[in-house]
Amino acid sequence: MLDQIKAAPTVVYPESDGKPMAETEYHRDIMIDFIQMLKYYFRNANDVHVSGNLLMYYEEGNPRKSVSPDVFVAFGVSKKKRRTYKIWEEGHAPGFVLEVASPSTYKHDLTRKKDLYASVLGVREYYIYDPYHEVDPYFLGYRLVDGVYEEIEFVNERLPSLVLGLELGENNGVFGLYDPSHSAWLQPLEKQVEQEAEARQRAEAELAKALKALKRLEEK
């Protein structure tokens, strides 16, 4: 009898859908810059996970039920590296999603993905941006209100994200993130690291100068 009992088949959740990361270098650069900026912005929050272009499964046992957001931020989960994102294991869907669109993906982003993010996943904020401005509107955002997406209104030519505490928009033609609490645009990671290094050098130089002045006073 025991020999006749068959083990349940193992469900395989692929780690790649075989599709390229982005349609163009511009699309790719926006995705990478946003992921890096958001990772750095939330670097001290242990329960915020920032990622993108990662297969996300939302129905246990059905590997066909997946989506791969270009950029997403999930709250209430750890920062550990993941091969895939399984919502039933994490316990949380993303709170923020950005899709970097093109004419070939725009309709899908605006219909099927929008419905999926709102009705199935419950993503609190969803943004769509076309870097080449080839579709109209080329930039829009939605916020979930009572289970339905409502379009977010522009403030100072930017779309505010209540989830992130930041604003999305263009700065001299470059799509980025604005921090209203500091009245400043977030810089790409390499620029932030460079600025911090320069600040440390200035602080060390000021400290060395102060120590020299103190030493001269002691020698008098």
Protein backbone atom coordinates (compact mmCIF):
# COMPACT_ATOMS: atom_id res chain seq x y z
CA MET A 1 0.00 0.00 0.00
CA LEU A 2 2.77 2.42 0.95
CA ASP A 3 4.54 1.67 -2.31
CA GLN A 4 1.48 2.89 -4.17
CA ILE A 5 1.49 6.27 -2.46
CA LYS A 6 3.14 8.82 -4.69
CA ALA A 7 4.80 11.93 -3.40
CA ALA A 8 3.18 15.17 -4.42
CA PRO A 9 5.03 16.75 -7.35
CA THR A 10 7.40 19.56 -6.45
CA VAL A 11 6.31 22.92 -7.79
CA VAL A 12 9.13 24.73 -9.56
CA TYR A 13 9.11 28.51 -9.51
CA PRO A 14 11.51 29.70 -12.26
CA GLU A 15 13.96 32.47 -11.43
CA SER A 16 13.89 33.94 -14.92
CA ASP A 17 11.21 34.52 -17.53
CA GLY A 18 13.74 34.72 -20.36
CA LYS A 19 12.93 38.37 -21.05
CA PRO A 20 15.57 41.12 -21.14
CA MET A 21 15.92 43.39 -18.12
CA ALA A 22 14.92 46.49 -20.09
CA GLU A 23 14.12 47.57 -23.62
CA THR A 24 16.83 50.24 -23.88
CA GLU A 25 19.85 51.45 -21.93
CA TYR A 26 17.83 54.47 -20.79
CA HIS A 27 15.12 52.20 -19.35
CA ARG A 28 17.79 50.06 -17.68
CA ASP A 29 19.60 53.04 -16.18
CA ILE A 30 16.40 54.43 -14.66
CA MET A 31 15.60 51.07 -13.09
CA ILE A 32 19.11 50.69 -11.65
CA ASP A 33 19.30 54.29 -10.41
CA PHE A 34 15.91 54.05 -8.69
CA ILE A 35 16.73 50.75 -7.03
CA GLN A 36 20.09 52.04 -5.78
CA MET A 37 18.71 55.38 -4.60
CA LEU A 38 15.85 53.73 -2.73
CA LYS A 39 18.14 51.11 -1.21
CA TYR A 40 20.38 53.86 0.08
CA TYR A 41 17.43 55.96 1.27
CA PHE A 42 16.06 53.02 3.31
CA ARG A 43 19.49 51.68 4.29
CA ASN A 44 18.77 52.02 8.03
CA ALA A 45 15.31 50.44 7.86
CA ASN A 46 15.75 46.71 8.46
CA ASP A 47 12.18 45.89 7.45
CA VAL A 48 12.19 47.53 4.00
CA HIS A 49 13.19 45.55 0.92
CA VAL A 50 13.98 47.34 -2.34
CA SER A 51 14.35 45.39 -5.57
CA GLY A 52 13.29 45.16 -9.19
CA ASN A 53 13.21 42.94 -12.25
CA LEU A 54 12.65 40.02 -9.88
CA LEU A 55 10.01 37.37 -10.52
CA MET A 56 7.22 37.79 -8.00
CA TYR A 57 4.81 34.88 -7.46
CA TYR A 58 1.41 35.60 -5.98
CA GLU A 59 -0.44 32.25 -6.01
CA GLU A 60 1.07 29.30 -4.15
CA GLY A 61 1.27 26.20 -6.29
CA ASN A 62 0.81 28.06 -9.57
CA PRO A 63 4.12 29.25 -11.11
CA ARG A 64 2.22 30.83 -14.00
CA LYS A 65 0.88 33.48 -11.64
CA SER A 66 3.85 35.82 -11.62
CA VAL A 67 4.84 39.38 -12.42
CA SER A 68 8.19 41.16 -12.53
CA PRO A 69 7.96 44.82 -11.47
CA ASP A 70 10.74 47.05 -12.77
CA VAL A 71 11.17 48.65 -9.33
CA PHE A 72 9.38 47.75 -6.10
CA VAL A 73 9.57 48.49 -2.39
CA ALA A 74 8.12 46.05 0.15
CA PHE A 75 7.59 47.04 3.78
CA GLY A 76 7.55 44.68 6.73
CA VAL A 77 10.04 42.22 5.19
CA SER A 78 13.75 41.70 5.65
CA LYS A 79 16.53 42.95 3.39
CA LYS A 80 17.85 39.46 2.64
CA LYS A 81 18.77 38.62 -0.95
CA ARG A 82 16.07 36.70 -2.78
CA ARG A 83 16.08 34.52 -5.89
CA THR A 84 12.33 35.11 -6.29
CA TYR A 85 9.68 36.90 -4.26
CA LYS A 86 6.81 34.68 -3.09
CA ILE A 87 4.11 36.79 -1.52
CA TRP A 88 2.61 33.96 0.57
CA GLU A 89 6.04 33.39 2.18
CA GLU A 90 6.87 37.05 2.72
CA GLY A 91 3.43 37.94 4.04
CA HIS A 92 3.52 41.31 2.26
CA ALA A 93 3.04 42.52 -1.28
CA PRO A 94 5.03 45.59 -2.35
CA GLY A 95 3.73 48.93 -1.19
CA PHE A 96 5.29 50.76 -4.14
CA VAL A 97 5.80 49.73 -7.77
CA LEU A 98 7.29 51.64 -10.69
CA GLU A 99 7.07 50.39 -14.27
CA VAL A 100 9.40 52.04 -16.80
CA ALA A 101 7.16 51.92 -19.85
CA SER A 102 7.51 52.04 -23.63
CA PRO A 103 4.95 52.07 -26.47
CA SER A 104 5.10 48.26 -26.57
CA THR A 105 4.39 47.80 -22.83
CA TYR A 106 2.29 50.85 -22.00
CA LYS A 107 -1.12 49.34 -22.70
CA HIS A 108 -0.27 46.25 -20.64
CA ASP A 109 1.08 48.42 -17.80
CA LEU A 110 -2.05 50.57 -17.86
CA THR A 111 -4.58 47.73 -17.98
CA ARG A 112 -3.65 44.18 -16.93
CA LYS A 113 -0.79 45.12 -14.61
CA LYS A 114 -2.77 47.96 -13.10
CA ASP A 115 -5.67 45.62 -12.37
CA LEU A 116 -3.31 42.99 -10.97
CA TYR A 117 -1.50 45.42 -8.67
CA ALA A 118 -4.76 46.90 -7.39
CA SER A 119 -7.19 43.99 -7.19
CA VAL A 120 -4.93 40.99 -6.56
CA LEU A 121 -1.76 42.27 -4.89
CA GLY A 122 -3.06 45.39 -3.21
CA VAL A 123 -0.04 47.52 -4.12
CA ARG A 124 -0.69 50.84 -2.39
CA GLU A 125 0.98 53.02 -5.02
CA TYR A 126 1.69 52.32 -8.68
CA TYR A 127 3.60 54.59 -11.07
CA ILE A 128 4.15 54.39 -14.83
CA TYR A 129 6.85 56.42 -16.59
CA ASP A 130 7.92 56.50 -20.24
CA PRO A 131 11.41 58.04 -20.45
CA TYR A 132 11.11 58.89 -24.14
CA HIS A 133 7.69 60.56 -23.77
CA GLU A 134 6.37 58.47 -26.64
CA VAL A 135 3.02 57.76 -25.00
CA ASP A 136 0.44 60.12 -23.55
CA PRO A 137 0.37 60.60 -20.67
CA TYR A 138 4.01 59.58 -20.30
CA PHE A 139 3.95 59.80 -16.50
CA LEU A 140 1.16 58.98 -14.10
CA GLY A 141 0.61 57.45 -10.70
CA TYR A 142 -2.15 55.72 -8.78
CA ARG A 143 -2.92 55.36 -5.09
CA LEU A 144 -5.12 52.59 -3.70
CA VAL A 145 -8.28 53.93 -2.04
CA ASP A 146 -10.84 51.39 -0.78
CA GLY A 147 -9.43 48.75 -3.10
CA VAL A 148 -9.56 50.97 -6.20
CA TYR A 149 -6.79 53.00 -7.82
CA GLU A 150 -7.27 56.76 -7.87
CA GLU A 151 -4.99 58.88 -10.02
CA ILE A 152 -2.45 60.94 -8.05
CA GLU A 153 -2.41 64.67 -8.78
CA PHE A 154 0.78 66.55 -9.56
CA VAL A 155 2.19 68.92 -6.96
CA ASN A 156 4.95 71.27 -8.18
CA GLU A 157 5.18 69.14 -11.35
CA ARG A 158 5.91 66.03 -9.26
CA LEU A 159 3.83 63.08 -8.07
CA PRO A 160 4.02 62.69 -4.27
CA SER A 161 4.40 59.21 -2.85
CA LEU A 162 2.91 58.88 0.62
CA VAL A 163 4.34 55.37 0.85
CA LEU A 164 7.93 56.47 0.28
CA GLY A 165 7.75 59.95 1.75
CA LEU A 166 9.32 61.13 -1.52
CA GLU A 167 8.16 62.69 -4.78
CA LEU A 168 8.72 61.41 -8.32
CA GLY A 169 9.39 63.73 -11.22
CA GLU A 170 11.83 65.15 -13.72
CA ASN A 171 14.71 67.42 -12.77
CA ASN A 172 16.23 69.10 -15.82
CA GLY A 173 14.86 66.28 -17.95
CA VAL A 174 16.17 63.52 -15.67
CA PHE A 175 13.61 61.30 -13.92
CA GLY A 176 14.32 61.02 -10.24
CA LEU A 177 13.23 61.20 -6.61
CA TYR A 178 12.78 64.40 -4.63
CA ASP A 179 13.00 64.49 -0.83
CA PRO A 180 10.62 67.25 0.39
CA SER A 181 11.92 66.99 3.95
CA HIS A 182 15.34 68.18 2.77
CA SER A 183 14.17 70.11 -0.30
CA ALA A 184 16.65 68.16 -2.41
CA TRP A 185 16.77 65.57 -5.16
CA LEU A 186 18.22 62.18 -4.28
CA GLN A 187 21.49 61.59 -6.10
CA PRO A 188 22.58 58.37 -7.85
CA LEU A 189 24.45 56.07 -5.49
CA GLU A 190 27.93 56.86 -6.83
CA LYS A 191 27.25 60.58 -6.41
CA GLN A 192 26.00 60.09 -2.84
CA VAL A 193 29.09 58.07 -1.95
CA GLU A 194 31.29 60.75 -3.51
CA GLN A 195 29.53 63.52 -1.60
CA GLU A 196 29.85 61.63 1.70
CA ALA A 197 33.56 61.04 1.05
CA GLU A 198 34.05 64.74 0.36
CA ALA A 199 32.15 65.63 3.53
CA ARG A 200 34.35 63.27 5.57
CA GLN A 201 37.48 64.80 4.06
CA ARG A 202 36.29 68.30 4.91
CA ALA A 203 35.48 67.22 8.47
CA GLU A 204 38.88 65.56 8.88
CA ALA A 205 40.61 68.66 7.50
CA GLU A 206 38.68 70.91 9.92
CA LEU A 207 39.55 68.60 12.82
CA ALA A 208 43.24 68.58 11.88
CA LYS A 209 43.19 72.37 11.62
CA ALA A 210 41.56 72.69 15.04
CA LEU A 211 44.09 70.29 16.63
CA LYS A 212 46.98 72.29 15.18
CA ALA A 213 45.53 75.51 16.53
CA LEU A 214 45.06 73.90 19.96
CA LYS A 215 48.64 72.64 19.91
CA ARG A 216 49.96 76.10 19.11
CA LEU A 217 48.02 77.54 22.03
CA GLU A 218 49.43 74.92 24.39
CA GLU A 219 52.99 75.68 23.26
CA LYS A 220 52.66 79.38 24.09
